[in-house]
Protein backbone atom coordinates (compact mmCIF):
# COMPACT_ATOMS: atom_id res chain seq x y z
CA MET A 1 0.00 0.00 0.00
CA PHE A 2 2.81 2.41 0.89
CA ASN A 3 4.48 1.85 -2.49
CA PHE A 4 1.20 2.56 -4.25
CA GLU A 5 0.75 5.84 -2.35
CA LYS A 6 4.33 6.84 -3.02
CA SER A 7 3.91 6.06 -6.71
CA VAL A 8 0.70 8.10 -6.94
CA PHE A 9 2.11 11.12 -5.09
CA ASN A 10 5.34 11.09 -7.09
CA HIS A 11 3.39 11.38 -10.33
CA LEU A 12 0.79 13.94 -9.28
CA GLU A 13 1.03 17.44 -10.68
CA PRO A 14 -0.40 20.35 -8.67
CA LYS A 15 -3.77 21.55 -9.97
CA THR A 16 -3.45 24.93 -11.63
CA ILE A 17 -6.05 27.43 -12.75
CA GLN A 18 -4.98 30.28 -15.00
CA ASN A 19 -1.33 29.37 -14.34
CA ARG A 20 -1.77 29.61 -10.54
CA THR A 21 -1.38 26.60 -8.29
CA LEU A 22 -4.67 25.78 -6.61
CA THR A 23 -4.12 25.72 -2.85
CA GLY A 24 -6.43 24.12 -0.32
CA GLU A 25 -7.65 27.54 0.74
CA MET A 26 -8.40 28.54 -2.86
CA PHE A 27 -10.23 25.25 -3.45
CA LEU A 28 -12.34 25.84 -0.35
CA LYS A 29 -13.22 29.38 -1.48
CA LEU A 30 -14.24 28.07 -4.90
CA THR A 31 -16.38 25.40 -3.24
CA TYR A 32 -18.14 28.05 -1.12
CA GLU A 33 -18.73 30.17 -4.24
CA TYR A 34 -20.32 27.22 -6.05
CA VAL A 35 -22.43 26.10 -3.09
CA ASP A 36 -23.61 29.66 -2.44
CA ALA A 37 -24.64 30.06 -6.09
CA ILE A 38 -26.53 26.76 -6.05
CA ASN A 39 -28.22 27.49 -2.70
CA THR A 40 -29.48 30.86 -3.92
CA GLY A 41 -30.97 29.27 -7.02
CA GLY A 42 -28.25 30.44 -9.35
CA ILE A 43 -25.86 28.69 -11.62
CA PRO A 44 -22.21 28.74 -10.56
CA GLN A 45 -20.22 31.03 -12.81
CA ILE A 46 -16.96 29.15 -12.87
CA LEU A 47 -14.82 31.84 -14.46
CA THR A 48 -16.22 34.57 -12.20
CA SER A 49 -15.61 32.44 -9.11
CA ILE A 50 -12.06 31.67 -10.16
CA GLU A 51 -11.38 35.33 -10.87
CA ARG A 52 -12.66 36.32 -7.41
CA VAL A 53 -10.51 33.71 -5.69
CA ILE A 54 -7.40 34.67 -7.66
CA SER A 55 -8.09 38.35 -7.01
CA SER A 56 -8.39 37.63 -3.29
CA GLU A 57 -5.15 35.65 -3.29
CA THR A 58 -3.39 38.41 -5.22
CA ARG A 59 -4.56 41.03 -2.71
CA LYS A 60 -3.19 38.92 0.15
CA ILE A 61 0.16 38.57 -1.61
CA VAL A 62 0.33 42.32 -2.24
CA GLU A 63 -0.53 43.11 1.40
CA THR A 64 2.07 40.64 2.70
CA THR A 65 4.72 41.94 0.31
CA LYS A 66 3.92 45.54 1.24
CA ALA A 67 4.25 44.76 4.96
CA ILE A 68 7.62 43.08 4.41
CA TYR A 69 8.80 46.02 2.30
CA GLU A 70 7.70 48.56 4.92
CA LYS A 71 9.53 46.66 7.68
CA LYS A 72 12.71 46.57 5.59
CA VAL A 73 12.46 50.28 4.83
CA ILE A 74 12.09 51.07 8.54
CA LEU A 75 15.13 48.91 9.36
CA PHE A 76 17.11 50.54 6.56
CA LYS A 77 16.24 54.03 7.81
CA LYS A 78 17.20 53.11 11.38
CA LYS A 79 20.57 51.73 10.26
CA ASN A 80 21.31 54.79 8.14
CA LEU A 81 20.22 57.15 10.89
CA LEU A 82 22.65 55.47 13.28
CA LEU A 83 25.45 55.92 10.72
CA LEU A 84 24.73 59.65 10.54
CA LEU A 85 24.98 60.10 14.30
């Protein structure tokens, strides 16, 4: 059984949508989008749902990157200020 699992996992490719790897969190968001559409009597709009999830993921990446950048700028300013003193 272990060899079978190892063989399967070694040959699996990550699922991608619009050249982005589908994470568990993204899959869950897509699932909620589809279920919500069905529960409200609508038809899931696959492309719209994917675009919303990717947009959400992109916003998170931008916010994280911005926070890292701001921290590095603050550290850089502190180091340069100490050199001036």
